[in-house]
Protein backbone atom coordinates (compact mmCIF):
# COMPACT_ATOMS: atom_id res chain seq x y z
CA MET A 1 131.00 72.72 102.16
CA ILE A 2 129.54 76.24 102.03
CA SER A 3 128.29 77.70 105.28
CA HIS A 4 124.92 79.47 105.23
CA ASP A 5 125.53 81.07 108.61
CA PRO A 6 125.82 84.85 107.98
CA ALA A 7 128.42 85.09 110.73
CA GLU A 8 130.65 82.72 108.77
CA ILE A 9 130.12 84.03 105.24
CA ARG A 10 133.31 85.51 103.86
CA ILE A 11 134.28 86.39 100.31
CA GLN A 12 138.00 86.65 99.66
CA GLY A 13 138.57 87.48 103.32
CA PHE A 14 135.76 90.05 103.21
CA ASP A 15 133.07 89.86 105.88
CA ILE A 16 129.69 90.50 104.21
CA LEU A 17 128.20 91.81 107.44
CA ASP A 18 130.81 94.59 107.55
CA CYS A 19 129.62 96.18 104.31
CA HIS A 20 125.82 95.87 104.59
CA PRO A 21 123.72 97.58 107.21
CA ILE A 22 121.77 95.31 109.52
CA THR A 23 118.62 97.39 109.03
CA HIS A 24 117.16 99.60 106.36
CA PRO A 25 117.55 103.40 106.28
CA ASP A 26 115.18 105.24 108.61
CA ARG A 27 113.69 107.26 105.74
CA PRO A 28 112.91 106.77 102.06
CA LEU A 29 115.80 107.16 99.65
CA VAL A 30 115.81 108.36 96.06
CA ASP A 31 119.00 106.90 94.66
CA ASP A 32 120.51 104.82 91.89
CA HIS A 33 119.25 101.58 93.42
CA SER A 34 115.64 102.78 93.56
CA ALA A 35 115.91 104.21 90.05
CA ALA A 36 117.24 100.93 88.65
CA VAL A 37 114.47 98.88 90.25
CA LEU A 38 111.81 101.35 89.09
CA GLN A 39 113.19 101.43 85.54
CA ASP A 40 113.11 97.62 85.40
CA ALA A 41 109.52 97.60 86.69
CA ILE A 42 108.42 100.17 84.09
CA VAL A 43 109.98 98.18 81.27
CA GLU A 44 108.50 94.88 82.53
CA LEU A 45 105.01 96.31 82.94
CA THR A 46 105.14 97.93 79.50
CA LEU A 47 106.26 94.62 77.99
CA PHE A 48 103.32 92.85 79.65
CA ARG A 49 100.70 95.38 78.60
CA SER A 50 101.89 96.90 75.33
CA PRO A 51 105.15 95.42 74.08
CA THR A 52 105.15 97.38 70.83
CA ALA A 53 105.01 100.66 72.78
CA LEU A 54 108.28 100.13 74.65
CA GLY A 55 110.03 103.50 74.78
CA ASP A 56 106.83 105.47 74.15
CA GLY A 57 106.37 108.30 76.64
CA LEU A 58 102.66 107.64 77.18
CA ALA A 59 103.33 103.93 77.75
CA ASP A 60 105.99 104.89 80.31
CA LEU A 61 103.53 107.26 81.97
CA HIS A 62 100.87 104.54 82.09
CA ALA A 63 103.32 102.10 83.68
CA MET A 64 104.55 104.64 86.24
CA VAL A 65 101.05 105.71 87.28
CA SER A 66 99.92 102.07 87.44
CA LEU A 67 102.86 101.19 89.69
CA LEU A 68 102.15 104.21 91.89
CA ALA A 69 98.49 103.19 92.21
CA GLN A 70 99.52 99.64 93.13
CA ILE A 71 101.94 100.94 95.76
CA ASN A 72 99.23 103.18 97.23
CA ALA A 73 96.85 100.20 97.37
CA TRP A 74 99.45 98.11 99.21
CA LEU A 75 100.58 100.76 101.71
CA PRO A 76 97.81 100.07 104.28
CA ILE A 77 98.66 96.36 104.17
CA VAL A 78 102.36 97.01 104.70
CA VAL A 79 101.62 99.49 107.51
CA ALA A 80 99.42 96.86 109.17
CA THR A 81 102.23 94.32 108.84
CA ALA A 82 104.72 96.76 110.38
CA ARG A 83 102.37 97.42 113.31
CA SER A 84 101.80 93.68 113.81
CA GLN A 85 105.57 93.33 114.06
CA ARG A 86 105.49 95.97 116.82
CA HIS A 87 107.09 98.81 114.85
CA SER A 88 106.13 102.14 116.38
CA TRP A 89 104.00 104.77 114.70
CA ALA A 90 107.08 107.02 114.82
CA GLU A 91 109.11 104.48 112.80
CA ILE A 92 106.28 104.01 110.30
CA ALA A 93 105.75 107.77 110.00
CA SER A 94 109.45 108.27 109.33
CA GLN A 95 109.25 105.92 106.34
CA LEU A 96 106.08 107.67 105.11
CA GLU A 97 107.66 111.09 105.73
CA ILE A 98 104.67 112.26 107.76
CA ALA A 99 103.96 112.91 111.44
CA PRO A 100 103.13 109.90 113.63
CA ALA A 101 99.65 111.27 114.34
CA THR A 102 99.02 111.58 110.60
CA ALA A 103 100.19 107.99 110.01
CA ARG A 104 97.83 106.72 112.73
CA ARG A 105 94.92 108.76 111.38
CA ARG A 106 95.44 107.61 107.77
CA HIS A 107 95.82 103.93 108.56
CA ARG A 108 93.81 103.21 111.70
CA ASP A 109 90.49 102.46 109.91
CA TYR A 110 92.13 99.73 107.85
CA LEU A 111 93.90 98.40 110.94
CA PHE A 112 90.64 98.33 112.92
CA SER A 113 88.99 96.40 110.07
CA ILE A 114 91.59 93.60 110.03
CA CYS A 115 93.38 93.64 113.36
CA PRO A 116 92.46 91.30 116.20
CA ASP A 117 94.73 93.21 118.62
CA PRO A 118 93.35 96.69 119.42
CA ALA A 119 96.65 97.61 121.10
CA LEU A 120 98.28 97.70 117.66
CA VAL A 121 95.76 100.27 116.45
CA ASP A 122 95.46 102.36 119.63
CA PRO A 123 96.24 105.95 118.62
CA LEU A 124 97.88 106.53 121.98
CA SER A 125 100.33 103.68 121.55
CA SER A 126 103.89 104.29 120.41
């Protein structure tokens, strides 16, 4: 029987928890992993919208700008989720690569519009 307990998962005597960080990096990364995921997303979106234009520079540009716009639309929602999980403005700002005060200022209106807990939005909170 296979155990699903992460503490017991081993592959050829190799403890999975030893090779993967418990948390994510404290800042955004531009690396091969991000590039691979982005490339796949560009190809998939191009195939959905204009399959005969696969490989066309303008189709790639359209897909990239569309993905960027979608990410920008989702950022306030993800920030609100992070705050609801009690992540600090400093942690959120680190991921956004901006100052904590800037993160609060940019996202507090959205948070006030959806958040039942004013303590999560309070600009003076951590």
